Amino acid sequence: MELIHQIRYYFERHGFDVSSRFSERFGIGVKNIRLLFIYLSFVTFGASFGLYLILAFMLKLKDMLYTKRTSVFDL
């Protein structure tokens, strides 16, 4: 159990350091950097979901325009 706590503390110590390093490097507050990461995660999820909906709509249009004939006598 102690090993799990050591691993967790290691990742917490070095994981939270990313935001503070970015804020020191660019001269922006840590809170703003964390909000930027949150907003970017929502935008990337929304963009991929929007792309999925567009592709599904295009497939639906393709199926509506190009109907497959069942036999030769349907001409």
N, C-alpha and C. Protein backbone atom coordinates (compact mmCIF):
# COMPACT_ATOMS: atom_id res chain seq x y z
N MET A 1 0.82 -1.20 0.00
CA MET A 1 0.00 0.00 0.00
C MET A 1 0.87 1.26 0.00
N GLU A 2 2.00 1.18 0.65
CA GLU A 2 2.90 2.32 0.71
C GLU A 2 3.46 2.65 -0.67
N LEU A 3 3.67 1.64 -1.50
CA LEU A 3 4.17 1.86 -2.85
C LEU A 3 3.17 2.65 -3.68
N ILE A 4 1.89 2.35 -3.51
CA ILE A 4 0.85 3.08 -4.24
C ILE A 4 0.85 4.54 -3.84
N HIS A 5 1.00 4.82 -2.55
CA HIS A 5 1.02 6.22 -2.09
C HIS A 5 2.26 6.94 -2.62
N GLN A 6 3.39 6.26 -2.68
CA GLN A 6 4.60 6.89 -3.21
C GLN A 6 4.44 7.22 -4.69
N ILE A 7 3.85 6.31 -5.43
CA ILE A 7 3.62 6.56 -6.86
C ILE A 7 2.66 7.72 -7.05
N ARG A 8 1.60 7.74 -6.25
CA ARG A 8 0.62 8.83 -6.35
C ARG A 8 1.25 10.18 -6.01
N TYR A 9 2.04 10.23 -4.96
CA TYR A 9 2.69 11.49 -4.57
C TYR A 9 3.69 11.93 -5.64
N TYR A 10 4.39 10.99 -6.26
CA TYR A 10 5.33 11.35 -7.32
C TYR A 10 4.61 12.01 -8.48
N PHE A 11 3.51 11.40 -8.94
CA PHE A 11 2.79 11.97 -10.07
C PHE A 11 2.09 13.27 -9.70
N GLU A 12 1.61 13.39 -8.48
CA GLU A 12 1.00 14.66 -8.07
C GLU A 12 2.05 15.77 -8.03
N ARG A 13 3.22 15.45 -7.51
CA ARG A 13 4.26 16.47 -7.37
C ARG A 13 4.75 16.93 -8.75
N HIS A 14 4.95 16.00 -9.67
CA HIS A 14 5.46 16.38 -10.98
C HIS A 14 4.36 16.74 -11.97
N GLY A 15 3.16 16.25 -11.75
CA GLY A 15 2.06 16.57 -12.65
C GLY A 15 1.54 17.98 -12.46
N PHE A 16 1.43 18.43 -11.23
CA PHE A 16 0.95 19.78 -10.98
C PHE A 16 2.01 20.81 -11.29
N ASP A 17 3.24 20.38 -11.44
CA ASP A 17 4.33 21.29 -11.74
C ASP A 17 4.25 21.80 -13.18
N VAL A 18 3.52 21.11 -14.04
CA VAL A 18 3.43 21.51 -15.44
C VAL A 18 2.77 22.87 -15.56
N SER A 19 1.65 23.06 -14.88
CA SER A 19 0.93 24.34 -14.96
C SER A 19 1.78 25.48 -14.42
N SER A 20 2.45 25.25 -13.32
CA SER A 20 3.27 26.32 -12.75
C SER A 20 4.48 26.63 -13.62
N ARG A 21 5.05 25.62 -14.27
CA ARG A 21 6.16 25.88 -15.17
C ARG A 21 5.72 26.71 -16.37
N PHE A 22 4.57 26.36 -16.96
CA PHE A 22 4.05 27.16 -18.07
C PHE A 22 3.77 28.59 -17.63
N SER A 23 3.20 28.74 -16.44
CA SER A 23 2.87 30.09 -15.98
C SER A 23 4.13 30.92 -15.74
N GLU A 24 5.18 30.30 -15.21
CA GLU A 24 6.43 31.04 -15.02
C GLU A 24 7.08 31.38 -16.36
N ARG A 25 6.99 30.47 -17.30
CA ARG A 25 7.64 30.68 -18.60
C ARG A 25 6.96 31.79 -19.39
N PHE A 26 5.62 31.82 -19.38
CA PHE A 26 4.89 32.80 -20.18
C PHE A 26 4.43 34.02 -19.39
N GLY A 27 4.61 34.00 -18.09
CA GLY A 27 4.23 35.14 -17.27
C GLY A 27 2.72 35.27 -17.09
N ILE A 28 2.02 34.15 -17.07
CA ILE A 28 0.57 34.13 -16.91
C ILE A 28 0.27 33.41 -15.59
N GLY A 29 -0.87 33.71 -15.00
CA GLY A 29 -1.25 33.05 -13.75
C GLY A 29 -1.55 31.57 -13.94
N VAL A 30 -1.31 30.81 -12.88
CA VAL A 30 -1.53 29.36 -12.93
C VAL A 30 -3.01 29.05 -13.17
N LYS A 31 -3.88 29.83 -12.58
CA LYS A 31 -5.32 29.62 -12.75
C LYS A 31 -5.72 29.75 -14.21
N ASN A 32 -5.16 30.72 -14.90
CA ASN A 32 -5.48 30.92 -16.32
C ASN A 32 -4.97 29.77 -17.17
N ILE A 33 -3.80 29.23 -16.84
CA ILE A 33 -3.26 28.09 -17.58
C ILE A 33 -4.15 26.87 -17.39
N ARG A 34 -4.59 26.62 -16.18
CA ARG A 34 -5.47 25.48 -15.91
C ARG A 34 -6.81 25.63 -16.62
N LEU A 35 -7.36 26.84 -16.64
CA LEU A 35 -8.59 27.08 -17.38
C LEU A 35 -8.39 26.88 -18.88
N LEU A 36 -7.23 27.27 -19.39
CA LEU A 36 -6.93 27.05 -20.80
C LEU A 36 -6.92 25.56 -21.13
N PHE A 37 -6.31 24.74 -20.27
CA PHE A 37 -6.31 23.30 -20.49
C PHE A 37 -7.72 22.72 -20.47
N ILE A 38 -8.55 23.20 -19.57
CA ILE A 38 -9.92 22.72 -19.49
C ILE A 38 -10.70 23.11 -20.74
N TYR A 39 -10.58 24.36 -21.17
CA TYR A 39 -11.28 24.82 -22.36
C TYR A 39 -10.81 24.08 -23.61
N LEU A 40 -9.51 23.85 -23.73
CA LEU A 40 -8.99 23.13 -24.88
C LEU A 40 -9.49 21.69 -24.92
N SER A 41 -9.64 21.07 -23.76
CA SER A 41 -10.16 19.70 -23.75
C SER A 41 -11.61 19.67 -24.22
N PHE A 42 -12.42 20.67 -23.83
CA PHE A 42 -13.80 20.73 -24.32
C PHE A 42 -13.85 21.01 -25.81
N VAL A 43 -12.98 21.89 -26.30
CA VAL A 43 -12.98 22.23 -27.72
C VAL A 43 -12.57 21.02 -28.56
N THR A 44 -11.55 20.30 -28.13
CA THR A 44 -11.11 19.15 -28.92
C THR A 44 -12.17 18.05 -28.91
N PHE A 45 -12.85 17.87 -27.79
CA PHE A 45 -13.93 16.88 -27.77
C PHE A 45 -15.08 17.33 -28.66
N GLY A 46 -15.42 18.58 -28.62
CA GLY A 46 -16.51 19.10 -29.45
C GLY A 46 -16.18 19.04 -30.92
N ALA A 47 -14.93 19.31 -31.28
CA ALA A 47 -14.54 19.26 -32.69
C ALA A 47 -14.62 17.84 -33.23
N SER A 48 -14.17 16.88 -32.45
CA SER A 48 -14.23 15.49 -32.92
C SER A 48 -15.67 15.01 -33.03
N PHE A 49 -16.52 15.41 -32.09
CA PHE A 49 -17.93 15.03 -32.15
C PHE A 49 -18.61 15.70 -33.34
N GLY A 50 -18.27 16.95 -33.62
CA GLY A 50 -18.83 17.65 -34.78
C GLY A 50 -18.39 17.00 -36.08
N LEU A 51 -17.13 16.59 -36.17
CA LEU A 51 -16.65 15.89 -37.36
C LEU A 51 -17.39 14.57 -37.54
N TYR A 52 -17.64 13.87 -36.45
CA TYR A 52 -18.40 12.62 -36.52
C TYR A 52 -19.81 12.87 -37.07
N LEU A 53 -20.47 13.91 -36.60
CA LEU A 53 -21.82 14.20 -37.09
C LEU A 53 -21.82 14.59 -38.56
N ILE A 54 -20.83 15.35 -39.00
CA ILE A 54 -20.74 15.74 -40.40
C ILE A 54 -20.53 14.52 -41.29
N LEU A 55 -19.64 13.61 -40.88
CA LEU A 55 -19.40 12.41 -41.67
C LEU A 55 -20.64 11.51 -41.71
N ALA A 56 -21.35 11.41 -40.60
CA ALA A 56 -22.57 10.61 -40.59
C ALA A 56 -23.62 11.21 -41.52
N PHE A 57 -23.72 12.52 -41.54
CA PHE A 57 -24.67 13.19 -42.43
C PHE A 57 -24.29 12.97 -43.90
N MET A 58 -22.99 13.01 -44.19
CA MET A 58 -22.55 12.80 -45.58
C MET A 58 -22.83 11.36 -46.02
N LEU A 59 -22.64 10.41 -45.12
CA LEU A 59 -22.97 9.02 -45.47
C LEU A 59 -24.46 8.84 -45.71
N LYS A 60 -25.27 9.52 -44.92
CA LYS A 60 -26.72 9.45 -45.11
C LYS A 60 -27.11 10.05 -46.47
N LEU A 61 -26.49 11.18 -46.83
CA LEU A 61 -26.76 11.77 -48.13
C LEU A 61 -26.32 10.85 -49.27
N LYS A 62 -25.18 10.23 -49.13
CA LYS A 62 -24.70 9.31 -50.15
C LYS A 62 -25.68 8.16 -50.34
N ASP A 63 -26.19 7.63 -49.26
CA ASP A 63 -27.17 6.54 -49.36
C ASP A 63 -28.47 7.00 -50.00
N MET A 64 -28.85 8.25 -49.79
CA MET A 64 -30.07 8.75 -50.39
C MET A 64 -29.90 9.02 -51.89
N LEU A 65 -28.73 9.44 -52.31
CA LEU A 65 -28.50 9.78 -53.72
C LEU A 65 -28.19 8.56 -54.57
N TYR A 66 -27.38 7.68 -54.05
CA TYR A 66 -26.98 6.50 -54.81
C TYR A 66 -27.71 5.28 -54.27
N THR A 67 -28.85 4.97 -54.87
CA THR A 67 -29.60 3.79 -54.44
C THR A 67 -29.16 2.60 -55.27
N LYS A 68 -28.97 1.50 -54.65
CA LYS A 68 -28.52 0.30 -55.32
C LYS A 68 -29.73 -0.43 -55.89
N ARG A 69 -29.62 -0.81 -57.14
CA ARG A 69 -30.72 -1.54 -57.78
C ARG A 69 -30.64 -3.00 -57.37
N THR A 70 -31.80 -3.59 -57.15
CA THR A 70 -31.82 -4.98 -56.70
C THR A 70 -31.68 -5.97 -57.84
N SER A 71 -32.13 -5.60 -59.05
CA SER A 71 -31.99 -6.52 -60.18
C SER A 71 -31.81 -5.73 -61.47
N VAL A 72 -31.57 -6.43 -62.52
CA VAL A 72 -31.35 -5.81 -63.83
C VAL A 72 -32.65 -5.24 -64.38
N PHE A 73 -33.77 -5.78 -63.99
CA PHE A 73 -35.06 -5.38 -64.54
C PHE A 73 -35.65 -4.13 -63.90
N ASP A 74 -34.91 -3.51 -62.97
CA ASP A 74 -35.40 -2.28 -62.30
C ASP A 74 -35.15 -1.03 -63.14
N LEU A 75 -34.56 -1.15 -64.29
CA LEU A 75 -34.28 0.01 -65.14
C LEU A 75 -35.57 0.63 -65.55
